[in-house]
Amino acid sequence: MAWDMTRARLAVDIGGTFTDLALWLDGQRFSAKVLTTASAPEQGVMTGVDLILGRAKLEPRDFA
């Protein structure tokens, strides 16, 4: 499927227990919730990005 990447939006909310992510892409929404690592919150973000891209059947290179 061809996506218009200029219309993609990614939101991230890092909380004390969970990190929530939402991806809006051409009118579709994908979401993910992962555990937050308090000492390294970026780990939850990266895990969530991998998960949400998988659900959207995308790869990081699709956004280049």
PDB file of N, CA and C in Angstrom:
ATOM      1  N   MET A   1       0.849  -1.182   0.000  1.00  0.00           N
ATOM      2  CA  MET A   1       0.000   0.000   0.000  1.00  0.00           C
ATOM      3  C   MET A   1       0.890   1.239   0.000  1.00  0.00           C
ATOM      4  N   ALA A   2       0.550   2.214  -0.787  1.00  0.00           N
ATOM      5  CA  ALA A   2       1.318   3.455  -0.850  1.00  0.00           C
ATOM      6  C   ALA A   2       0.739   4.461   0.138  1.00  0.00           C
ATOM      7  N   TRP A   3       1.584   4.992   0.997  1.00  0.00           N
ATOM      8  CA  TRP A   3       1.179   5.976   1.994  1.00  0.00           C
ATOM      9  C   TRP A   3       1.759   7.331   1.641  1.00  0.00           C
ATOM     10  N   ASP A   4       1.033   8.378   1.932  1.00  0.00           N
ATOM     11  CA  ASP A   4       1.536   9.744   1.800  1.00  0.00           C
ATOM     12  C   ASP A   4       2.191  10.110   3.125  1.00  0.00           C
ATOM     13  N   MET A   5       3.513   9.965   3.213  1.00  0.00           N
ATOM     14  CA  MET A   5       4.222  10.171   4.475  1.00  0.00           C
ATOM     15  C   MET A   5       4.215  11.630   4.918  1.00  0.00           C
ATOM     16  N   THR A   6       3.860  12.556   4.048  1.00  0.00           N
ATOM     17  CA  THR A   6       3.762  13.949   4.474  1.00  0.00           C
ATOM     18  C   THR A   6       2.550  14.155   5.370  1.00  0.00           C
ATOM     19  N   ARG A   7       1.673  13.176   5.417  1.00  0.00           N
ATOM     20  CA  ARG A   7       0.473  13.278   6.245  1.00  0.00           C
ATOM     21  C   ARG A   7       0.549  12.397   7.482  1.00  0.00           C
ATOM     22  N   ALA A   8       1.725  11.913   7.828  1.00  0.00           N
ATOM     23  CA  ALA A   8       1.903  11.048   8.995  1.00  0.00           C
ATOM     24  C   ALA A   8       2.159  11.895  10.236  1.00  0.00           C
ATOM     25  N   ARG A   9       1.576  11.478  11.373  1.00  0.00           N
ATOM     26  CA  ARG A   9       1.792  12.136  12.661  1.00  0.00           C
ATOM     27  C   ARG A   9       1.988  11.060  13.720  1.00  0.00           C
ATOM     28  N   LEU A  10       2.994  11.238  14.551  1.00  0.00           N
ATOM     29  CA  LEU A  10       3.271  10.304  15.633  1.00  0.00           C
ATOM     30  C   LEU A  10       3.222  11.063  16.949  1.00  0.00           C
ATOM     31  N   ALA A  11       2.440  10.563  17.898  1.00  0.00           N
ATOM     32  CA  ALA A  11       2.356  11.161  19.230  1.00  0.00           C
ATOM     33  C   ALA A  11       2.864  10.146  20.252  1.00  0.00           C
ATOM     34  N   VAL A  12       3.612  10.636  21.235  1.00  0.00           N
ATOM     35  CA  VAL A  12       4.170   9.779  22.282  1.00  0.00           C
ATOM     36  C   VAL A  12       3.887  10.416  23.634  1.00  0.00           C
ATOM     37  N   ASP A  13       3.398   9.610  24.573  1.00  0.00           N
ATOM     38  CA  ASP A  13       3.169  10.058  25.948  1.00  0.00           C
ATOM     39  C   ASP A  13       3.926   9.111  26.875  1.00  0.00           C
ATOM     40  N   ILE A  14       4.991   9.611  27.489  1.00  0.00           N
ATOM     41  CA  ILE A  14       5.787   8.803  28.414  1.00  0.00           C
ATOM     42  C   ILE A  14       5.236   9.009  29.810  1.00  0.00           C
ATOM     43  N   GLY A  15       4.702   7.955  30.376  1.00  0.00           N
ATOM     44  CA  GLY A  15       4.167   8.015  31.729  1.00  0.00           C
ATOM     45  C   GLY A  15       5.042   7.231  32.688  1.00  0.00           C
ATOM     46  N   GLY A  16       4.677   7.229  33.940  1.00  0.00           N
ATOM     47  CA  GLY A  16       5.449   6.532  34.959  1.00  0.00           C
ATOM     48  C   GLY A  16       5.427   5.026  34.814  1.00  0.00           C
ATOM     49  N   THR A  17       4.341   4.487  34.275  1.00  0.00           N
ATOM     50  CA  THR A  17       4.215   3.042  34.111  1.00  0.00           C
ATOM     51  C   THR A  17       4.218   2.629  32.649  1.00  0.00           C
ATOM     52  N   PHE A  18       3.490   3.371  31.818  1.00  0.00           N
ATOM     53  CA  PHE A  18       3.364   3.014  30.408  1.00  0.00           C
ATOM     54  C   PHE A  18       3.774   4.167  29.500  1.00  0.00           C
ATOM     55  N   THR A  19       4.237   3.812  28.320  1.00  0.00           N
ATOM     56  CA  THR A  19       4.476   4.762  27.244  1.00  0.00           C
ATOM     57  C   THR A  19       3.446   4.449  26.166  1.00  0.00           C
ATOM     58  N   ASP A  20       2.658   5.451  25.808  1.00  0.00           N
ATOM     59  CA  ASP A  20       1.613   5.286  24.796  1.00  0.00           C
ATOM     60  C   ASP A  20       2.026   5.992  23.514  1.00  0.00           C
ATOM     61  N   LEU A  21       1.748   5.350  22.395  1.00  0.00           N
ATOM     62  CA  LEU A  21       2.059   5.927  21.091  1.00  0.00           C
ATOM     63  C   LEU A  21       0.833   5.838  20.202  1.00  0.00           C
ATOM     64  N   ALA A  22       0.649   6.846  19.370  1.00  0.00           N
ATOM     65  CA  ALA A  22      -0.421   6.846  18.378  1.00  0.00           C
ATOM     66  C   ALA A  22       0.151   7.357  17.066  1.00  0.00           C
ATOM     67  N   LEU A  23      -0.158   6.659  15.988  1.00  0.00           N
ATOM     68  CA  LEU A  23       0.289   7.042  14.654  1.00  0.00           C
ATOM     69  C   LEU A  23      -0.943   7.285  13.803  1.00  0.00           C
ATOM     70  N   TRP A  24      -1.031   8.496  13.249  1.00  0.00           N
ATOM     71  CA  TRP A  24      -2.101   8.830  12.306  1.00  0.00           C
ATOM     72  C   TRP A  24      -1.484   8.872  10.928  1.00  0.00           C
ATOM     73  N   LEU A  25      -2.087   8.152  10.000  1.00  0.00           N
ATOM     74  CA  LEU A  25      -1.522   8.036   8.669  1.00  0.00           C
ATOM     75  C   LEU A  25      -2.647   7.922   7.653  1.00  0.00           C
ATOM     76  N   ASP A  26      -2.818   8.959   6.859  1.00  0.00           N
ATOM     77  CA  ASP A  26      -3.852   8.967   5.815  1.00  0.00           C
ATOM     78  C   ASP A  26      -5.219   8.534   6.346  1.00  0.00           C
ATOM     79  N   GLY A  27      -5.609   9.083   7.486  1.00  0.00           N
ATOM     80  CA  GLY A  27      -6.935   8.799   8.037  1.00  0.00           C
ATOM     81  C   GLY A  27      -7.034   7.525   8.853  1.00  0.00           C
ATOM     82  N   GLN A  28      -5.947   6.776   8.984  1.00  0.00           N
ATOM     83  CA  GLN A  28      -5.952   5.568   9.814  1.00  0.00           C
ATOM     84  C   GLN A  28      -5.158   5.842  11.078  1.00  0.00           C
ATOM     85  N   ARG A  29      -5.570   5.195  12.176  1.00  0.00           N
ATOM     86  CA  ARG A  29      -4.871   5.353  13.451  1.00  0.00           C
ATOM     87  C   ARG A  29      -4.372   3.998  13.914  1.00  0.00           C
ATOM     88  N   PHE A  30      -3.135   3.983  14.354  1.00  0.00           N
ATOM     89  CA  PHE A  30      -2.518   2.798  14.931  1.00  0.00           C
ATOM     90  C   PHE A  30      -2.037   3.197  16.320  1.00  0.00           C
ATOM     91  N   SER A  31      -2.092   2.276  17.274  1.00  0.00           N
ATOM     92  CA  SER A  31      -1.664   2.623  18.627  1.00  0.00           C
ATOM     93  C   SER A  31      -0.851   1.491  19.236  1.00  0.00           C
ATOM     94  N   ALA A  32      -0.082   1.863  20.263  1.00  0.00           N
ATOM     95  CA  ALA A  32       0.728   0.891  21.001  1.00  0.00           C
ATOM     96  C   ALA A  32       0.891   1.385  22.429  1.00  0.00           C
ATOM     97  N   LYS A  33       1.005   0.448  23.348  1.00  0.00           N
ATOM     98  CA  LYS A  33       1.243   0.745  24.772  1.00  0.00           C
ATOM     99  C   LYS A  33       2.316  -0.224  25.238  1.00  0.00           C
ATOM    100  N   VAL A  34       3.396   0.319  25.781  1.00  0.00           N
ATOM    101  CA  VAL A  34       4.505  -0.500  26.268  1.00  0.00           C
ATOM    102  C   VAL A  34       4.897  -0.014  27.658  1.00  0.00           C
ATOM    103  N   LEU A  35       5.609  -0.853  28.378  1.00  0.00           N
ATOM    104  CA  LEU A  35       6.088  -0.457  29.705  1.00  0.00           C
ATOM    105  C   LEU A  35       7.167   0.617  29.584  1.00  0.00           C
ATOM    106  N   THR A  36       7.147   1.557  30.513  1.00  0.00           N
ATOM    107  CA  THR A  36       8.177   2.586  30.588  1.00  0.00           C
ATOM    108  C   THR A  36       9.327   2.073  31.442  1.00  0.00           C
ATOM    109  N   THR A  37      10.536   2.284  30.989  1.00  0.00           N
ATOM    110  CA  THR A  37      11.729   1.988  31.780  1.00  0.00           C
ATOM    111  C   THR A  37      12.143   3.307  32.431  1.00  0.00           C
ATOM    112  N   ALA A  38      11.947   3.417  33.737  1.00  0.00           N
ATOM    113  CA  ALA A  38      12.166   4.695  34.424  1.00  0.00           C
ATOM    114  C   ALA A  38      13.582   5.233  34.234  1.00  0.00           C
ATOM    115  N   SER A  39      14.573   4.362  34.241  1.00  0.00           N
ATOM    116  CA  SER A  39      15.960   4.812  34.123  1.00  0.00           C
ATOM    117  C   SER A  39      16.359   5.134  32.679  1.00  0.00           C
ATOM    118  N   ALA A  40      15.548   4.699  31.715  1.00  0.00           N
ATOM    119  CA  ALA A  40      15.856   4.948  30.299  1.00  0.00           C
ATOM    120  C   ALA A  40      14.545   5.008  29.512  1.00  0.00           C
ATOM    121  N   PRO A  41      13.777   6.104  29.655  1.00  0.00           N
ATOM    122  CA  PRO A  41      12.465   6.176  29.009  1.00  0.00           C
ATOM    123  C   PRO A  41      12.516   6.054  27.489  1.00  0.00           C
ATOM    124  N   GLU A  42      13.672   6.346  26.886  1.00  0.00           N
ATOM    125  CA  GLU A  42      13.782   6.221  25.430  1.00  0.00           C
ATOM    126  C   GLU A  42      13.634   4.768  24.975  1.00  0.00           C
ATOM    127  N   GLN A  43      13.925   3.813  25.860  1.00  0.00           N
ATOM    128  CA  GLN A  43      13.756   2.408  25.502  1.00  0.00           C
ATOM    129  C   GLN A  43      12.295   2.086  25.203  1.00  0.00           C
ATOM    130  N   GLY A  44      11.390   2.601  26.026  1.00  0.00           N
ATOM    131  CA  GLY A  44       9.969   2.397  25.789  1.00  0.00           C
ATOM    132  C   GLY A  44       9.516   3.047  24.500  1.00  0.00           C
ATOM    133  N   VAL A  45      10.055   4.230  24.206  1.00  0.00           N
ATOM    134  CA  VAL A  45       9.705   4.927  22.964  1.00  0.00           C
ATOM    135  C   VAL A  45      10.141   4.098  21.763  1.00  0.00           C
ATOM    136  N   MET A  46      11.379   3.625  21.777  1.00  0.00           N
ATOM    137  CA  MET A  46      11.888   2.861  20.637  1.00  0.00           C
ATOM    138  C   MET A  46      11.160   1.529  20.483  1.00  0.00           C
ATOM    139  N   THR A  47      10.848   0.871  21.594  1.00  0.00           N
ATOM    140  CA  THR A  47      10.086  -0.372  21.534  1.00  0.00           C
ATOM    141  C   THR A  47       8.698  -0.107  20.961  1.00  0.00           C
ATOM    142  N   GLY A  48       8.078   0.983  21.411  1.00  0.00           N
ATOM    143  CA  GLY A  48       6.754   1.347  20.917  1.00  0.00           C
ATOM    144  C   GLY A  48       6.755   1.713  19.441  1.00  0.00           C
ATOM    145  N   VAL A  49       7.788   2.422  19.003  1.00  0.00           N
ATOM    146  CA  VAL A  49       7.893   2.771  17.582  1.00  0.00           C
ATOM    147  C   VAL A  49       8.009   1.505  16.741  1.00  0.00           C
ATOM    148  N   ASP A  50       8.847   0.565  17.167  1.00  0.00           N
ATOM    149  CA  ASP A  50       8.955  -0.700  16.434  1.00  0.00           C
ATOM    150  C   ASP A  50       7.608  -1.406  16.358  1.00  0.00           C
ATOM    151  N   LEU A  51       6.899  -1.437  17.470  1.00  0.00           N
ATOM    152  CA  LEU A  51       5.601  -2.111  17.534  1.00  0.00           C
ATOM    153  C   LEU A  51       4.568  -1.428  16.646  1.00  0.00           C
ATOM    154  N   ILE A  52       4.473  -0.122  16.729  1.00  0.00           N
ATOM    155  CA  ILE A  52       3.457   0.604  15.969  1.00  0.00           C
ATOM    156  C   ILE A  52       3.748   0.565  14.465  1.00  0.00           C
ATOM    157  N   LEU A  53       5.021   0.628  14.092  1.00  0.00           N
ATOM    158  CA  LEU A  53       5.361   0.515  12.669  1.00  0.00           C
ATOM    159  C   LEU A  53       5.016  -0.877  12.146  1.00  0.00           C
ATOM    160  N   GLY A  54       5.236  -1.890  12.952  1.00  0.00           N
ATOM    161  CA  GLY A  54       4.857  -3.249  12.559  1.00  0.00           C
ATOM    162  C   GLY A  54       3.358  -3.373  12.341  1.00  0.00           C
ATOM    163  N   ARG A  55       2.580  -2.763  13.217  1.00  0.00           N
ATOM    164  CA  ARG A  55       1.116  -2.807  13.068  1.00  0.00           C
ATOM    165  C   ARG A  55       0.650  -2.084  11.811  1.00  0.00           C
ATOM    166  N   ALA A  56       1.390  -1.034  11.441  1.00  0.00           N
ATOM    167  CA  ALA A  56       1.044  -0.271  10.237  1.00  0.00           C
ATOM    168  C   ALA A  56       1.708  -0.860   8.984  1.00  0.00           C
ATOM    169  N   LYS A  57       2.466  -1.947   9.169  1.00  0.00           N
ATOM    170  CA  LYS A  57       3.195  -2.586   8.076  1.00  0.00           C
ATOM    171  C   LYS A  57       4.151  -1.605   7.390  1.00  0.00           C
ATOM    172  N   LEU A  58       4.877  -0.851   8.229  1.00  0.00           N
ATOM    173  CA  LEU A  58       5.848   0.133   7.759  1.00  0.00           C
ATOM    174  C   LEU A  58       7.219  -0.191   8.309  1.00  0.00           C
ATOM    175  N   GLU A  59       8.231   0.382   7.699  1.00  0.00           N
ATOM    176  CA  GLU A  59       9.610   0.276   8.169  1.00  0.00           C
ATOM    177  C   GLU A  59      10.126   1.700   8.370  1.00  0.00           C
ATOM    178  N   PRO A  60      11.115   1.901   9.242  1.00  0.00           N
ATOM    179  CA  PRO A  60      11.644   3.252   9.430  1.00  0.00           C
ATOM    180  C   PRO A  60      12.069   3.917   8.109  1.00  0.00           C
ATOM    181  N   ARG A  61      12.593   3.137   7.182  1.00  0.00           N
ATOM    182  CA  ARG A  61      13.030   3.722   5.907  1.00  0.00           C
ATOM    183  C   ARG A  61      11.874   4.308   5.093  1.00  0.00           C
ATOM    184  N   ASP A  62      10.637   3.930   5.409  1.00  0.00           N
ATOM    185  CA  ASP A  62       9.482   4.474   4.708  1.00  0.00           C
ATOM    186  C   ASP A  62       9.299   5.962   4.989  1.00  0.00           C
ATOM    187  N   PHE A  63       9.947   6.468   6.051  1.00  0.00           N
ATOM    188  CA  PHE A  63       9.797   7.868   6.433  1.00  0.00           C
ATOM    189  C   PHE A  63      10.962   8.735   5.958  1.00  0.00           C
ATOM    190  N   ALA A  64      11.901   8.149   5.242  1.00  0.00           N
ATOM    191  CA  ALA A  64      13.069   8.912   4.769  1.00  0.00           C
ATOM    192  C   ALA A  64      12.711   9.811   3.610  1.00  0.00           C
TER     193      ALA A  64
END
